[in-house]
C-alpha atoms as a PDB file:
ATOM      1  CA  MET A   1     126.771 -23.663 -72.484  1.00  0.00           C
ATOM      2  CA  CYS A   2     124.358 -24.687 -69.753  1.00  0.00           C
ATOM      3  CA  SER A   3     122.835 -27.995 -68.740  1.00  0.00           C
ATOM      4  CA  VAL A   4     119.198 -28.797 -69.456  1.00  0.00           C
ATOM      5  CA  SER A   5     118.222 -28.346 -65.826  1.00  0.00           C
ATOM      6  CA  ARG A   6     119.740 -24.856 -65.664  1.00  0.00           C
ATOM      7  CA  CYS A   7     118.318 -23.530 -68.938  1.00  0.00           C
ATOM      8  CA  ALA A   8     114.931 -25.168 -69.124  1.00  0.00           C
ATOM      9  CA  GLU A   9     111.879 -24.177 -67.181  1.00  0.00           C
ATOM     10  CA  VAL A  10     109.804 -26.665 -65.205  1.00  0.00           C
ATOM     11  CA  ARG A  11     106.514 -27.248 -66.985  1.00  0.00           C
ATOM     12  CA  PRO A  12     103.740 -28.030 -64.495  1.00  0.00           C
ATOM     13  CA  GLU A  13     101.736 -29.689 -67.285  1.00  0.00           C
ATOM     14  CA  LEU A  14     104.369 -32.453 -67.323  1.00  0.00           C
ATOM     15  CA  GLY A  15     104.178 -33.119 -63.589  1.00  0.00           C
ATOM     16  CA  ASP A  16     102.087 -36.290 -63.861  1.00  0.00           C
ATOM     17  CA  LEU A  17     104.449 -37.729 -66.463  1.00  0.00           C
ATOM     18  CA  ALA A  18     107.444 -36.893 -64.247  1.00  0.00           C
ATOM     19  CA  ASP A  19     105.691 -38.577 -61.306  1.00  0.00           C
ATOM     20  CA  TRP A  20     104.933 -41.665 -63.411  1.00  0.00           C
ATOM     21  CA  PHE A  21     108.577 -41.953 -64.469  1.00  0.00           C
ATOM     22  CA  SER A  22     109.924 -41.500 -60.915  1.00  0.00           C
ATOM     23  CA  THR A  23     107.475 -44.059 -59.551  1.00  0.00           C
ATOM     24  CA  ALA A  24     108.220 -46.538 -62.354  1.00  0.00           C
ATOM     25  CA  LEU A  25     111.974 -46.198 -61.698  1.00  0.00           C
ATOM     26  CA  THR A  26     111.470 -46.894 -58.001  1.00  0.00           C
ATOM     27  CA  LYS A  27     109.080 -49.821 -58.538  1.00  0.00           C
ATOM     28  CA  ALA A  28     111.538 -51.365 -60.993  1.00  0.00           C
ATOM     29  CA  GLY A  29     114.216 -51.225 -58.303  1.00  0.00           C
ATOM     30  CA  TYR A  30     116.342 -48.397 -59.678  1.00  0.00           C
ATOM     31  CA  PRO A  31     117.410 -45.919 -56.990  1.00  0.00           C
ATOM     32  CA  SER A  32     118.473 -43.388 -59.629  1.00  0.00           C
ATOM     33  CA  ILE A  33     118.538 -42.582 -63.322  1.00  0.00           C
ATOM     34  CA  ASN A  34     122.231 -43.474 -63.346  1.00  0.00           C
ATOM     35  CA  ALA A  35     121.444 -46.961 -62.024  1.00  0.00           C
ATOM     36  CA  PHE A  36     118.854 -47.392 -64.782  1.00  0.00           C
ATOM     37  CA  ILE A  37     121.291 -46.210 -67.459  1.00  0.00           C
ATOM     38  CA  THR A  38     124.063 -48.454 -66.156  1.00  0.00           C
ATOM     39  CA  SER A  39     121.713 -51.434 -66.219  1.00  0.00           C
ATOM     40  CA  HIS A  40     120.676 -50.740 -69.823  1.00  0.00           C
ATOM     41  CA  ARG A  41     124.043 -49.585 -71.161  1.00  0.00           C
ATOM     42  CA  ASN A  42     124.865 -52.936 -72.762  1.00  0.00           C
ATOM     43  CA  HIS A  43     121.567 -53.287 -74.593  1.00  0.00           C
ATOM     44  CA  ARG A  44     122.706 -52.457 -78.097  1.00  0.00           C
ATOM     45  CA  GLY A  45     120.216 -50.697 -80.317  1.00  0.00           C
ATOM     46  CA  SER A  46     118.232 -49.613 -77.284  1.00  0.00           C
ATOM     47  CA  PRO A  47     115.665 -46.954 -78.201  1.00  0.00           C
ATOM     48  CA  LEU A  48     115.990 -45.410 -74.743  1.00  0.00           C
ATOM     49  CA  PRO A  49     116.952 -41.744 -74.502  1.00  0.00           C
ATOM     50  CA  ASP A  50     120.237 -40.505 -73.090  1.00  0.00           C
ATOM     51  CA  LYS A  51     120.806 -39.408 -69.494  1.00  0.00           C
ATOM     52  CA  ASN A  52     120.008 -35.729 -70.114  1.00  0.00           C
ATOM     53  CA  ALA A  53     116.689 -36.599 -71.755  1.00  0.00           C
ATOM     54  CA  LEU A  54     115.784 -38.890 -68.846  1.00  0.00           C
ATOM     55  CA  TYR A  55     116.506 -36.120 -66.340  1.00  0.00           C
ATOM     56  CA  ALA A  56     114.402 -33.743 -68.446  1.00  0.00           C
ATOM     57  CA  ILE A  57     111.482 -36.181 -68.166  1.00  0.00           C
ATOM     58  CA  LYS A  58     111.990 -36.725 -64.429  1.00  0.00           C
ATOM     59  CA  ASN A  59     112.224 -32.995 -63.764  1.00  0.00           C
ATOM     60  CA  ALA A  60     109.193 -32.083 -65.932  1.00  0.00           C
ATOM     61  CA  LEU A  61     111.297 -30.023 -68.337  1.00  0.00           C
ATOM     62  CA  GLU A  62     110.263 -31.423 -71.712  1.00  0.00           C
ATOM     63  CA  LEU A  63     107.765 -33.790 -73.270  1.00  0.00           C
ATOM     64  CA  PRO A  64     109.376 -36.851 -74.843  1.00  0.00           C
ATOM     65  CA  SER A  65     107.809 -38.640 -77.782  1.00  0.00           C
ATOM     66  CA  LEU A  66     105.068 -41.163 -77.120  1.00  0.00           C
ATOM     67  CA  GLU A  67     107.335 -43.859 -78.555  1.00  0.00           C
ATOM     68  CA  THR A  68     110.047 -42.957 -76.027  1.00  0.00           C
ATOM     69  CA  VAL A  69     107.579 -43.198 -73.144  1.00  0.00           C
ATOM     70  CA  ARG A  70     106.394 -46.611 -74.357  1.00  0.00           C
ATOM     71  CA  HIS A  71     109.997 -47.855 -74.559  1.00  0.00           C
ATOM     72  CA  LEU A  72     110.674 -46.555 -71.057  1.00  0.00           C
ATOM     73  CA  ALA A  73     107.569 -48.291 -69.741  1.00  0.00           C
ATOM     74  CA  GLU A  74     108.663 -51.581 -71.279  1.00  0.00           C
ATOM     75  CA  ALA A  75     112.204 -51.233 -69.923  1.00  0.00           C
ATOM     76  CA  LEU A  76     110.836 -50.453 -66.454  1.00  0.00           C
ATOM     77  CA  GLY A  77     108.222 -53.211 -66.472  1.00  0.00           C
ATOM     78  CA  SER A  78     105.420 -50.664 -66.253  1.00  0.00           C
ATOM     79  CA  PRO A  79     102.184 -51.054 -68.237  1.00  0.00           C
ATOM     80  CA  PRO A  80     102.676 -49.201 -71.555  1.00  0.00           C
ATOM     81  CA  GLU A  81      98.965 -48.289 -71.578  1.00  0.00           C
ATOM     82  CA  THR A  82      99.324 -46.391 -68.303  1.00  0.00           C
ATOM     83  CA  ALA A  83     102.406 -44.595 -69.576  1.00  0.00           C
ATOM     84  CA  ALA A  84     100.671 -43.737 -72.856  1.00  0.00           C
ATOM     85  CA  SER A  85      97.577 -42.323 -71.155  1.00  0.00           C
ATOM     86  CA  THR A  86      99.760 -40.262 -68.797  1.00  0.00           C
ATOM     87  CA  TRP A  87     101.731 -38.966 -71.790  1.00  0.00           C
ATOM     88  CA  LEU A  88      98.502 -38.094 -73.640  1.00  0.00           C
ATOM     89  CA  ARG A  89      97.196 -36.027 -70.700  1.00  0.00           C
ATOM     90  CA  ALA A  90     100.526 -34.202 -70.473  1.00  0.00           C
ATOM     91  CA  SER A  91     100.588 -33.584 -74.213  1.00  0.00           C
ATOM     92  CA  ARG A  92      97.043 -32.196 -74.196  1.00  0.00           C
ATOM     93  CA  ALA A  93      97.747 -29.973 -71.193  1.00  0.00           C
ATOM     94  CA  LEU A  94     100.876 -28.603 -72.818  1.00  0.00           C
ATOM     95  CA  ALA A  95      99.080 -28.013 -76.133  1.00  0.00           C
ATOM     96  CA  GLY A  96      96.268 -26.236 -74.302  1.00  0.00           C
ATOM     97  CA  LYS A  97      98.707 -23.942 -72.534  1.00  0.00           C
ATOM     98  CA  GLU A  98     100.515 -23.136 -75.781  1.00  0.00           C
ATOM     99  CA  LEU A  99      97.203 -22.473 -77.551  1.00  0.00           C
ATOM    100  CA  GLY A 100      96.133 -20.164 -74.737  1.00  0.00           C
ATOM    101  CA  ALA A 101      99.408 -18.255 -74.981  1.00  0.00           C
ATOM    102  CA  SER A 102      98.973 -17.927 -78.751  1.00  0.00           C
ATOM    103  CA  LEU A 103      95.459 -16.587 -78.332  1.00  0.00           C
ATOM    104  CA  LEU A 104      96.725 -14.021 -75.829  1.00  0.00           C
ATOM    105  CA  LEU A 105      99.328 -12.869 -78.347  1.00  0.00           C
ATOM    106  CA  VAL A 106      96.744 -12.607 -81.104  1.00  0.00           C
ATOM    107  CA  GLY A 107      94.414 -10.673 -78.795  1.00  0.00           C
ATOM    108  CA  ALA A 108      97.203  -8.304 -77.768  1.00  0.00           C
ATOM    109  CA  GLY A 109      98.076  -7.715 -81.416  1.00  0.00           C
ATOM    110  CA  SER A 110      94.524  -6.747 -82.323  1.00  0.00           C
ATOM    111  CA  GLU A 111      94.437  -4.091 -79.606  1.00  0.00           C
ATOM    112  CA  ALA A 112      97.444  -2.257 -81.025  1.00  0.00           C
END
């Protein structure tokens, strides 16, 4: 079995969201994801994702839910509106890429 970072492919459409998360971590005073996790470990019932999911966000590997991004923003003291608008742009860019790939497949199928 492989780790997320070894199996997943970087998705350029998620770059702005990854940048937002890295910047928010730094501004909140966390030098690393591990420091953030350690700080929030004792918050029972925390809706924050696990370490692997946080690295996937930071490394632009997968799009988290909007709710997750809002919770992260709150935990990091970052404006949730900024996080939500960054997530929305990433989501739209990713959907556009997937739609384009689907259209290419449909077009290739009609030529056969």
